[in-house]
């Protein structure tokens, strides 16, 4: 048995209380433990009351749940969390699985954790803040432990129309940054990049094919010269004459240059060399 001789409010947290008991020391009181105010009220802790060892264990157990719950709420302040994220976080703070499960059930009861709403919010966030397609977002939600059912529901927030809008905006910005490439190369790189960002092949193709690319003639000339000279350097050690010329033409054609552009470069190159 232990008898409470004093209860004081903590200086840095007005919702927690220090409990002192009489251990028979010269001072007559010693600090024993601290509890949340809800636990204080639930067990009617007050000066003069006595408690058994079993009652003490229950008090401390309930207080541990309360502390874990408060920690969980603090973890939620930055953004919504999935159930898996919350479970892993609390376990990392050395709380037992039993306490973690109790806390998570309480959080779900109060709708602080809801994997369906989390999936919807996550999709909207990725859709509005990043260039990411549904395939990559699905993968991220899977990593966060969200069920396939909820992922499918969440991805309904990302309409095909919105995917095309975002992919097309990316394509326009990407094309402006890629100087010295042929139209074919630009479209190819756009398609490849959109696929790597999680867009489906039909969306990537549409965004690439519908893009209007305006190329300056001077830029195009510089591009064909750059790639043409590279091709001559690559094949000149193995081929010469007509065969070398055909290799260079094939190289340039595969990179999207038009026949007239290739012929003009070949003629200019021969003249200069």
C-alpha atoms as a PDB file:
ATOM      1  CA  UNK A   1       0.000   0.000   0.000  1.00  0.00           C
ATOM      2  CA  UNK A   2       1.074   3.565  -0.555  1.00  0.00           C
ATOM      3  CA  UNK A   3      -0.415   6.781   0.724  1.00  0.00           C
ATOM      4  CA  UNK A   4      -0.498  10.047  -1.230  1.00  0.00           C
ATOM      5  CA  UNK A   5       0.776  12.953   0.824  1.00  0.00           C
ATOM      6  CA  UNK A   6       1.012  15.662  -1.858  1.00  0.00           C
ATOM      7  CA  UNK A   7       0.030  16.363  -5.473  1.00  0.00           C
ATOM      8  CA  UNK A   8       1.515  19.279  -7.445  1.00  0.00           C
ATOM      9  CA  UNK A   9       1.062  20.624 -10.969  1.00  0.00           C
ATOM     10  CA  UNK A  10       4.086  20.352 -13.232  1.00  0.00           C
ATOM     11  CA  UNK A  11       5.650  23.698 -14.156  1.00  0.00           C
ATOM     12  CA  UNK A  12       5.993  23.001 -17.891  1.00  0.00           C
ATOM     13  CA  UNK A  13       2.745  21.113 -18.366  1.00  0.00           C
ATOM     14  CA  UNK A  14      -0.340  22.201 -16.461  1.00  0.00           C
ATOM     15  CA  UNK A  15      -2.183  19.015 -17.478  1.00  0.00           C
ATOM     16  CA  UNK A  16       0.247  16.694 -15.682  1.00  0.00           C
ATOM     17  CA  UNK A  17       0.649  16.248 -11.954  1.00  0.00           C
ATOM     18  CA  UNK A  18       3.442  14.993  -9.719  1.00  0.00           C
ATOM     19  CA  UNK A  19       2.366  12.550  -7.037  1.00  0.00           C
ATOM     20  CA  UNK A  20       4.282  12.281  -3.715  1.00  0.00           C
ATOM     21  CA  UNK A  21       3.987   9.502  -1.134  1.00  0.00           C
ATOM     22  CA  UNK A  22       5.187   8.922   2.423  1.00  0.00           C
ATOM     23  CA  UNK A  23       8.116   6.481   2.378  1.00  0.00           C
ATOM     24  CA  UNK A  24       9.036   7.067   5.976  1.00  0.00           C
ATOM     25  CA  UNK A  25      11.955   9.366   5.193  1.00  0.00           C
ATOM     26  CA  UNK A  26      12.976  12.373   7.232  1.00  0.00           C
ATOM     27  CA  UNK A  27      11.146  14.682   4.823  1.00  0.00           C
ATOM     28  CA  UNK A  28       8.020  12.592   5.097  1.00  0.00           C
ATOM     29  CA  UNK A  29       7.326  12.755   1.360  1.00  0.00           C
ATOM     30  CA  UNK A  30       9.021  11.532  -1.800  1.00  0.00           C
ATOM     31  CA  UNK A  31       8.196  11.976  -5.481  1.00  0.00           C
ATOM     32  CA  UNK A  32       6.571   8.731  -6.707  1.00  0.00           C
ATOM     33  CA  UNK A  33       5.196   9.245 -10.243  1.00  0.00           C
ATOM     34  CA  UNK A  34       3.421  11.708 -12.540  1.00  0.00           C
ATOM     35  CA  UNK A  35       0.057  11.368 -14.282  1.00  0.00           C
ATOM     36  CA  UNK A  36      -2.175  13.139 -16.768  1.00  0.00           C
ATOM     37  CA  UNK A  37      -5.124  15.065 -15.351  1.00  0.00           C
ATOM     38  CA  UNK A  38      -7.612  12.619 -16.926  1.00  0.00           C
ATOM     39  CA  UNK A  39      -5.946   9.728 -15.123  1.00  0.00           C
ATOM     40  CA  UNK A  40      -5.864  11.788 -11.931  1.00  0.00           C
ATOM     41  CA  UNK A  41      -9.623  12.275 -12.178  1.00  0.00           C
ATOM     42  CA  UNK A  42     -10.408   8.702 -13.264  1.00  0.00           C
ATOM     43  CA  UNK A  43      -8.652   7.162 -10.245  1.00  0.00           C
ATOM     44  CA  UNK A  44      -9.621   9.988  -7.891  1.00  0.00           C
ATOM     45  CA  UNK A  45      -6.046  10.579  -6.854  1.00  0.00           C
ATOM     46  CA  UNK A  46      -5.887  12.996  -3.937  1.00  0.00           C
ATOM     47  CA  UNK A  47      -3.969  13.649  -0.771  1.00  0.00           C
ATOM     48  CA  UNK A  48      -4.660  11.116   1.972  1.00  0.00           C
ATOM     49  CA  UNK A  49      -5.855   8.272  -0.306  1.00  0.00           C
ATOM     50  CA  UNK A  50      -4.117   4.908  -0.205  1.00  0.00           C
ATOM     51  CA  UNK A  51      -3.658   2.486  -3.128  1.00  0.00           C
ATOM     52  CA  UNK A  52      -2.507  -1.091  -3.604  1.00  0.00           C
ATOM     53  CA  UNK A  53       0.349  -2.179  -5.855  1.00  0.00           C
ATOM     54  CA  UNK A  54      -2.146  -3.572  -8.400  1.00  0.00           C
ATOM     55  CA  UNK A  55      -3.995  -0.259  -8.463  1.00  0.00           C
ATOM     56  CA  UNK A  56      -0.685   1.525  -9.014  1.00  0.00           C
ATOM     57  CA  UNK A  57       0.090  -0.702 -12.013  1.00  0.00           C
ATOM     58  CA  UNK A  58      -3.292   0.101 -13.539  1.00  0.00           C
ATOM     59  CA  UNK A  59      -2.795   3.835 -12.932  1.00  0.00           C
ATOM     60  CA  UNK A  60       0.598   3.793 -14.636  1.00  0.00           C
ATOM     61  CA  UNK A  61      -0.759   1.658 -17.492  1.00  0.00           C
ATOM     62  CA  UNK A  62      -3.591   4.101 -18.169  1.00  0.00           C
ATOM     63  CA  UNK A  63      -1.179   7.012 -17.992  1.00  0.00           C
ATOM     64  CA  UNK A  64       1.108   5.320 -20.532  1.00  0.00           C
ATOM     65  CA  UNK A  65      -1.829   5.010 -22.929  1.00  0.00           C
ATOM     66  CA  UNK A  66      -2.634   8.662 -22.379  1.00  0.00           C
ATOM     67  CA  UNK A  67       0.955   9.724 -23.119  1.00  0.00           C
ATOM     68  CA  UNK A  68       1.038   7.605 -26.262  1.00  0.00           C
ATOM     69  CA  UNK A  69      -2.247   9.131 -27.399  1.00  0.00           C
ATOM     70  CA  UNK A  70      -0.985  12.674 -26.841  1.00  0.00           C
ATOM     71  CA  UNK A  71       2.193  11.830 -28.754  1.00  0.00           C
ATOM     72  CA  UNK A  72       0.093  10.467 -31.611  1.00  0.00           C
ATOM     73  CA  UNK A  73      -1.954  13.675 -31.788  1.00  0.00           C
ATOM     74  CA  UNK A  74       1.229  15.706 -31.944  1.00  0.00           C
ATOM     75  CA  UNK A  75       2.479  13.474 -34.777  1.00  0.00           C
ATOM     76  CA  UNK A  76      -0.688  14.291 -36.708  1.00  0.00           C
ATOM     77  CA  UNK A  77      -0.210  18.067 -36.601  1.00  0.00           C
ATOM     78  CA  UNK A  78       1.919  18.301 -39.764  1.00  0.00           C
ATOM     79  CA  UNK A  79      -0.366  16.202 -42.002  1.00  0.00           C
ATOM     80  CA  UNK A  80      -2.707  13.214 -42.015  1.00  0.00           C
ATOM     81  CA  UNK A  81      -1.064   9.845 -41.408  1.00  0.00           C
ATOM     82  CA  UNK A  82      -1.949   6.349 -42.503  1.00  0.00           C
ATOM     83  CA  UNK A  83      -2.582   3.669 -39.913  1.00  0.00           C
ATOM     84  CA  UNK A  84       0.698   1.986 -40.840  1.00  0.00           C
ATOM     85  CA  UNK A  85       2.654   5.239 -40.437  1.00  0.00           C
ATOM     86  CA  UNK A  86       1.142   5.823 -37.007  1.00  0.00           C
ATOM     87  CA  UNK A  87       1.767   2.259 -35.855  1.00  0.00           C
ATOM     88  CA  UNK A  88       5.406   2.357 -36.952  1.00  0.00           C
ATOM     89  CA  UNK A  89       5.902   5.747 -35.286  1.00  0.00           C
ATOM     90  CA  UNK A  90       4.520   4.688 -31.903  1.00  0.00           C
ATOM     91  CA  UNK A  91       6.440   1.411 -31.970  1.00  0.00           C
ATOM     92  CA  UNK A  92       9.609   3.399 -32.692  1.00  0.00           C
ATOM     93  CA  UNK A  93       8.926   5.288 -29.437  1.00  0.00           C
ATOM     94  CA  UNK A  94       9.144   1.969 -27.543  1.00  0.00           C
ATOM     95  CA  UNK A  95       5.438   1.586 -26.819  1.00  0.00           C
ATOM     96  CA  UNK A  96       4.194  -1.993 -26.593  1.00  0.00           C
ATOM     97  CA  UNK A  97       2.042  -3.395 -29.400  1.00  0.00           C
ATOM     98  CA  UNK A  98      -0.953  -3.639 -27.050  1.00  0.00           C
ATOM     99  CA  UNK A  99      -0.800   0.052 -26.136  1.00  0.00           C
ATOM    100  CA  UNK A 100      -0.219   1.039 -29.768  1.00  0.00           C
ATOM    101  CA  UNK A 101      -3.321  -0.887 -30.862  1.00  0.00           C
ATOM    102  CA  UNK A 102      -5.420   0.748 -28.142  1.00  0.00           C
ATOM    103  CA  UNK A 103      -4.252   4.206 -29.189  1.00  0.00           C
ATOM    104  CA  UNK A 104      -4.833   3.557 -32.893  1.00  0.00           C
ATOM    105  CA  UNK A 105      -8.350   2.267 -32.229  1.00  0.00           C
ATOM    106  CA  UNK A 106      -9.076   5.410 -30.257  1.00  0.00           C
ATOM    107  CA  UNK A 107      -7.683   7.593 -33.047  1.00  0.00           C
ATOM    108  CA  UNK A 108      -9.831   5.773 -35.610  1.00  0.00           C
ATOM    109  CA  UNK A 109     -12.886   6.127 -33.373  1.00  0.00           C
ATOM    110  CA  UNK A 110     -12.419   9.895 -33.356  1.00  0.00           C
ATOM    111  CA  UNK A 111     -11.609   9.963 -37.110  1.00  0.00           C
ATOM    112  CA  UNK A 112      -8.076  11.205 -36.547  1.00  0.00           C
ATOM    113  CA  UNK A 113      -6.956   8.197 -38.585  1.00  0.00           C
ATOM    114  CA  UNK A 114      -8.978   7.148 -41.610  1.00  0.00           C
ATOM    115  CA  UNK A 115      -7.097   5.409 -44.409  1.00  0.00           C
ATOM    116  CA  UNK A 116      -9.809   6.112 -46.967  1.00  0.00           C
ATOM    117  CA  UNK A 117      -9.769   9.857 -46.297  1.00  0.00           C
ATOM    118  CA  UNK A 118      -5.989   9.711 -46.074  1.00  0.00           C
ATOM    119  CA  UNK A 119      -5.802   8.137 -49.550  1.00  0.00           C
ATOM    120  CA  UNK A 120      -8.083  10.808 -51.023  1.00  0.00           C
ATOM    121  CA  UNK A 121      -6.137  13.656 -49.410  1.00  0.00           C
ATOM    122  CA  UNK A 122      -2.806  12.127 -50.431  1.00  0.00           C
ATOM    123  CA  UNK A 123      -3.898  11.860 -54.076  1.00  0.00           C
ATOM    124  CA  UNK A 124      -5.142  15.469 -54.106  1.00  0.00           C
ATOM    125  CA  UNK A 125      -1.895  16.671 -52.578  1.00  0.00           C
ATOM    126  CA  UNK A 126       0.308  14.859 -55.083  1.00  0.00           C
ATOM    127  CA  UNK A 127      -1.956  15.885 -57.954  1.00  0.00           C
ATOM    128  CA  UNK A 128      -1.860  19.600 -57.083  1.00  0.00           C
ATOM    129  CA  UNK A 129       1.696  19.975 -55.838  1.00  0.00           C
ATOM    130  CA  UNK A 130       3.826  17.591 -57.892  1.00  0.00           C
ATOM    131  CA  UNK A 131       4.089  16.198 -61.416  1.00  0.00           C
ATOM    132  CA  UNK A 132       3.141  12.631 -60.569  1.00  0.00           C
ATOM    133  CA  UNK A 133       0.912  10.179 -62.353  1.00  0.00           C
ATOM    134  CA  UNK A 134      -1.519   7.700 -60.771  1.00  0.00           C
ATOM    135  CA  UNK A 135       0.838   4.718 -61.079  1.00  0.00           C
ATOM    136  CA  UNK A 136       3.511   6.367 -58.942  1.00  0.00           C
ATOM    137  CA  UNK A 137       0.931   7.649 -56.434  1.00  0.00           C
ATOM    138  CA  UNK A 138      -0.491   4.116 -56.151  1.00  0.00           C
ATOM    139  CA  UNK A 139       2.978   2.830 -55.354  1.00  0.00           C
ATOM    140  CA  UNK A 140       3.471   5.474 -52.647  1.00  0.00           C
ATOM    141  CA  UNK A 141       0.132   4.618 -51.011  1.00  0.00           C
ATOM    142  CA  UNK A 142       1.007   0.933 -51.050  1.00  0.00           C
ATOM    143  CA  UNK A 143       4.233   1.750 -49.215  1.00  0.00           C
ATOM    144  CA  UNK A 144       2.176   3.587 -46.595  1.00  0.00           C
ATOM    145  CA  UNK A 145       0.115   0.454 -45.974  1.00  0.00           C
ATOM    146  CA  UNK A 146      -3.160   1.637 -47.523  1.00  0.00           C
ATOM    147  CA  UNK A 147      -5.390  -1.162 -48.817  1.00  0.00           C
ATOM    148  CA  UNK A 148      -5.988  -1.598 -52.552  1.00  0.00           C
ATOM    149  CA  UNK A 149      -9.682  -0.865 -52.042  1.00  0.00           C
ATOM    150  CA  UNK A 150      -8.939   2.524 -50.482  1.00  0.00           C
ATOM    151  CA  UNK A 151      -6.215   3.273 -53.034  1.00  0.00           C
ATOM    152  CA  UNK A 152      -8.660   2.684 -55.876  1.00  0.00           C
ATOM    153  CA  UNK A 153     -11.193   4.969 -54.208  1.00  0.00           C
ATOM    154  CA  UNK A 154      -8.571   7.628 -53.582  1.00  0.00           C
ATOM    155  CA  UNK A 155      -7.363   7.614 -57.186  1.00  0.00           C
ATOM    156  CA  UNK A 156     -10.876   8.498 -58.345  1.00  0.00           C
ATOM    157  CA  UNK A 157      -9.919  12.021 -57.223  1.00  0.00           C
ATOM    158  CA  UNK A 158      -7.415  12.079 -60.110  1.00  0.00           C
ATOM    159  CA  UNK A 159      -9.541  12.218 -63.249  1.00  0.00           C
ATOM    160  CA  UNK A 160      -8.181  11.446 -66.702  1.00  0.00           C
ATOM    161  CA  UNK A 161      -8.865  15.041 -67.673  1.00  0.00           C
ATOM    162  CA  UNK A 162      -6.693  16.271 -64.788  1.00  0.00           C
ATOM    163  CA  UNK A 163      -3.932  13.825 -65.707  1.00  0.00           C
ATOM    164  CA  UNK A 164      -3.882  15.138 -69.282  1.00  0.00           C
ATOM    165  CA  UNK A 165      -3.826  18.731 -68.020  1.00  0.00           C
ATOM    166  CA  UNK A 166      -0.841  18.127 -65.729  1.00  0.00           C
ATOM    167  CA  UNK A 167       1.042  16.001 -68.261  1.00  0.00           C
ATOM    168  CA  UNK A 168       0.497  18.596 -71.006  1.00  0.00           C
ATOM    169  CA  UNK A 169       1.682  21.455 -68.773  1.00  0.00           C
ATOM    170  CA  UNK A 170       4.808  19.471 -67.967  1.00  0.00           C
ATOM    171  CA  UNK A 171       5.376  18.726 -71.667  1.00  0.00           C
ATOM    172  CA  UNK A 172       5.193  22.420 -72.579  1.00  0.00           C
ATOM    173  CA  UNK A 173       7.648  23.422 -69.872  1.00  0.00           C
ATOM    174  CA  UNK A 174       9.972  20.524 -70.704  1.00  0.00           C
ATOM    175  CA  UNK A 175      10.059  21.384 -74.428  1.00  0.00           C
ATOM    176  CA  UNK A 176      11.120  24.985 -73.733  1.00  0.00           C
ATOM    177  CA  UNK A 177      14.110  23.782 -71.711  1.00  0.00           C
ATOM    178  CA  UNK A 178      15.407  21.292 -74.297  1.00  0.00           C
ATOM    179  CA  UNK A 179      17.345  23.296 -76.832  1.00  0.00           C
ATOM    180  CA  UNK A 180      19.470  21.575 -79.456  1.00  0.00           C
ATOM    181  CA  UNK A 181      17.151  18.589 -79.805  1.00  0.00           C
ATOM    182  CA  UNK A 182      14.975  17.631 -82.713  1.00  0.00           C
ATOM    183  CA  UNK A 183      11.217  17.641 -82.409  1.00  0.00           C
ATOM    184  CA  UNK A 184      11.299  13.838 -82.448  1.00  0.00           C
ATOM    185  CA  UNK A 185      13.819  13.742 -79.590  1.00  0.00           C
ATOM    186  CA  UNK A 186      11.828  16.229 -77.544  1.00  0.00           C
ATOM    187  CA  UNK A 187       8.632  14.209 -77.895  1.00  0.00           C
ATOM    188  CA  UNK A 188      10.468  10.982 -77.129  1.00  0.00           C
ATOM    189  CA  UNK A 189      12.048  12.387 -73.975  1.00  0.00           C
ATOM    190  CA  UNK A 190       8.744  13.865 -72.819  1.00  0.00           C
ATOM    191  CA  UNK A 191       7.031  10.496 -73.205  1.00  0.00           C
ATOM    192  CA  UNK A 192       9.807   8.663 -71.355  1.00  0.00           C
ATOM    193  CA  UNK A 193       9.858  11.205 -68.526  1.00  0.00           C
ATOM    194  CA  UNK A 194       6.086  11.117 -68.060  1.00  0.00           C
ATOM    195  CA  UNK A 195       6.180   7.312 -67.885  1.00  0.00           C
ATOM    196  CA  UNK A 196       8.896   7.514 -65.203  1.00  0.00           C
ATOM    197  CA  UNK A 197       6.670   9.919 -63.257  1.00  0.00           C
ATOM    198  CA  UNK A 198       3.856   7.384 -63.127  1.00  0.00           C
ATOM    199  CA  UNK A 199       1.618   8.421 -66.006  1.00  0.00           C
ATOM    200  CA  UNK A 200       0.114   5.714 -68.177  1.00  0.00           C
ATOM    201  CA  UNK A 201       1.320   5.155 -71.726  1.00  0.00           C
ATOM    202  CA  UNK A 202      -1.855   6.589 -73.355  1.00  0.00           C
ATOM    203  CA  UNK A 203      -1.604   9.792 -71.278  1.00  0.00           C
ATOM    204  CA  UNK A 204       2.138  10.159 -71.960  1.00  0.00           C
ATOM    205  CA  UNK A 205       1.599   9.646 -75.699  1.00  0.00           C
ATOM    206  CA  UNK A 206      -1.260  12.115 -75.841  1.00  0.00           C
ATOM    207  CA  UNK A 207       0.653  14.828 -73.988  1.00  0.00           C
ATOM    208  CA  UNK A 208       3.665  14.288 -76.241  1.00  0.00           C
ATOM    209  CA  UNK A 209       1.791  14.059 -79.536  1.00  0.00           C
ATOM    210  CA  UNK A 210      -0.497  17.034 -78.919  1.00  0.00           C
ATOM    211  CA  UNK A 211       2.363  19.337 -77.946  1.00  0.00           C
ATOM    212  CA  UNK A 212       2.990  22.166 -80.418  1.00  0.00           C
ATOM    213  CA  UNK A 213       6.742  22.593 -80.770  1.00  0.00           C
ATOM    214  CA  UNK A 214       8.051  25.764 -82.383  1.00  0.00           C
ATOM    215  CA  UNK A 215      11.696  25.426 -83.365  1.00  0.00           C
ATOM    216  CA  UNK A 216      13.870  28.286 -84.491  1.00  0.00           C
ATOM    217  CA  UNK A 217      15.600  27.551 -87.815  1.00  0.00           C
ATOM    218  CA  UNK A 218      18.949  28.610 -86.399  1.00  0.00           C
ATOM    219  CA  UNK A 219      18.531  26.305 -83.416  1.00  0.00           C
ATOM    220  CA  UNK A 220      17.556  23.458 -85.726  1.00  0.00           C
ATOM    221  CA  UNK A 221      20.624  24.068 -87.882  1.00  0.00           C
ATOM    222  CA  UNK A 222      22.882  24.016 -84.842  1.00  0.00           C
ATOM    223  CA  UNK A 223      21.238  20.801 -83.675  1.00  0.00           C
ATOM    224  CA  UNK A 224      21.730  18.939 -86.931  1.00  0.00           C
ATOM    225  CA  UNK A 225      25.335  20.128 -87.114  1.00  0.00           C
ATOM    226  CA  UNK A 226      26.002  19.021 -83.547  1.00  0.00           C
ATOM    227  CA  UNK A 227      24.584  15.548 -84.066  1.00  0.00           C
ATOM    228  CA  UNK A 228      25.986  15.235 -87.593  1.00  0.00           C
ATOM    229  CA  UNK A 229      29.532  16.022 -86.516  1.00  0.00           C
ATOM    230  CA  UNK A 230      29.140  13.550 -83.677  1.00  0.00           C
ATOM    231  CA  UNK A 231      28.038  10.891 -86.170  1.00  0.00           C
ATOM    232  CA  UNK A 232      31.006  11.545 -88.489  1.00  0.00           C
ATOM    233  CA  UNK A 233      33.368  11.281 -85.544  1.00  0.00           C
ATOM    234  CA  UNK A 234      31.742   8.038 -84.436  1.00  0.00           C
ATOM    235  CA  UNK A 235      31.873   6.254 -87.800  1.00  0.00           C
ATOM    236  CA  UNK A 236      34.900   7.775 -89.566  1.00  0.00           C
ATOM    237  CA  UNK A 237      37.292   5.247 -88.014  1.00  0.00           C
ATOM    238  CA  UNK A 238      35.354   2.321 -89.482  1.00  0.00           C
ATOM    239  CA  UNK A 239      33.809   3.632 -92.706  1.00  0.00           C
ATOM    240  CA  UNK A 240      34.578   6.048 -95.504  1.00  0.00           C
ATOM    241  CA  UNK A 241      33.062   7.462 -98.659  1.00  0.00           C
ATOM    242  CA  UNK A 242      29.511   6.471 -99.553  1.00  0.00           C
ATOM    243  CA  UNK A 243      29.181   3.977 -96.676  1.00  0.00           C
ATOM    244  CA  UNK A 244      30.254   6.581 -94.115  1.00  0.00           C
ATOM    245  CA  UNK A 245      27.735   9.026 -95.545  1.00  0.00           C
ATOM    246  CA  UNK A 246      24.924   6.459 -95.283  1.00  0.00           C
ATOM    247  CA  UNK A 247      25.808   5.698 -91.663  1.00  0.00           C
ATOM    248  CA  UNK A 248      25.670   9.397 -90.804  1.00  0.00           C
ATOM    249  CA  UNK A 249      22.333   9.812 -92.599  1.00  0.00           C
ATOM    250  CA  UNK A 250      20.860   6.844 -90.751  1.00  0.00           C
ATOM    251  CA  UNK A 251      22.155   8.202 -87.434  1.00  0.00           C
ATOM    252  CA  UNK A 252      20.513  11.578 -88.021  1.00  0.00           C
ATOM    253  CA  UNK A 253      17.292  10.130 -89.366  1.00  0.00           C
ATOM    254  CA  UNK A 254      16.879   7.966 -86.251  1.00  0.00           C
ATOM    255  CA  UNK A 255      17.108  11.117 -84.163  1.00  0.00           C
ATOM    256  CA  UNK A 256      14.210  12.753 -85.946  1.00  0.00           C
ATOM    257  CA  UNK A 257      15.859  15.027 -88.481  1.00  0.00           C
ATOM    258  CA  UNK A 258      14.051  15.423 -91.786  1.00  0.00           C
ATOM    259  CA  UNK A 259      15.600  14.235 -95.056  1.00  0.00           C
ATOM    260  CA  UNK A 260      16.078  17.771 -96.400  1.00  0.00           C
ATOM    261  CA  UNK A 261      17.824  18.839 -93.195  1.00  0.00           C
ATOM    262  CA  UNK A 262      20.122  15.831 -93.331  1.00  0.00           C
ATOM    263  CA  UNK A 263      20.977  16.395 -97.017  1.00  0.00           C
ATOM    264  CA  UNK A 264      21.714  20.052 -96.368  1.00  0.00           C
ATOM    265  CA  UNK A 265      24.059  19.165 -93.522  1.00  0.00           C
ATOM    266  CA  UNK A 266      25.872  16.493 -95.569  1.00  0.00           C
ATOM    267  CA  UNK A 267      26.424  18.923 -98.410  1.00  0.00           C
ATOM    268  CA  UNK A 268      27.694  21.624 -96.051  1.00  0.00           C
ATOM    269  CA  UNK A 269      29.958  19.186 -94.217  1.00  0.00           C
ATOM    270  CA  UNK A 270      31.529  17.957 -97.474  1.00  0.00           C
ATOM    271  CA  UNK A 271      32.095  21.510 -98.574  1.00  0.00           C
ATOM    272  CA  UNK A 272      33.851  22.413 -95.326  1.00  0.00           C
ATOM    273  CA  UNK A 273      35.930  19.250 -95.172  1.00  0.00           C
END
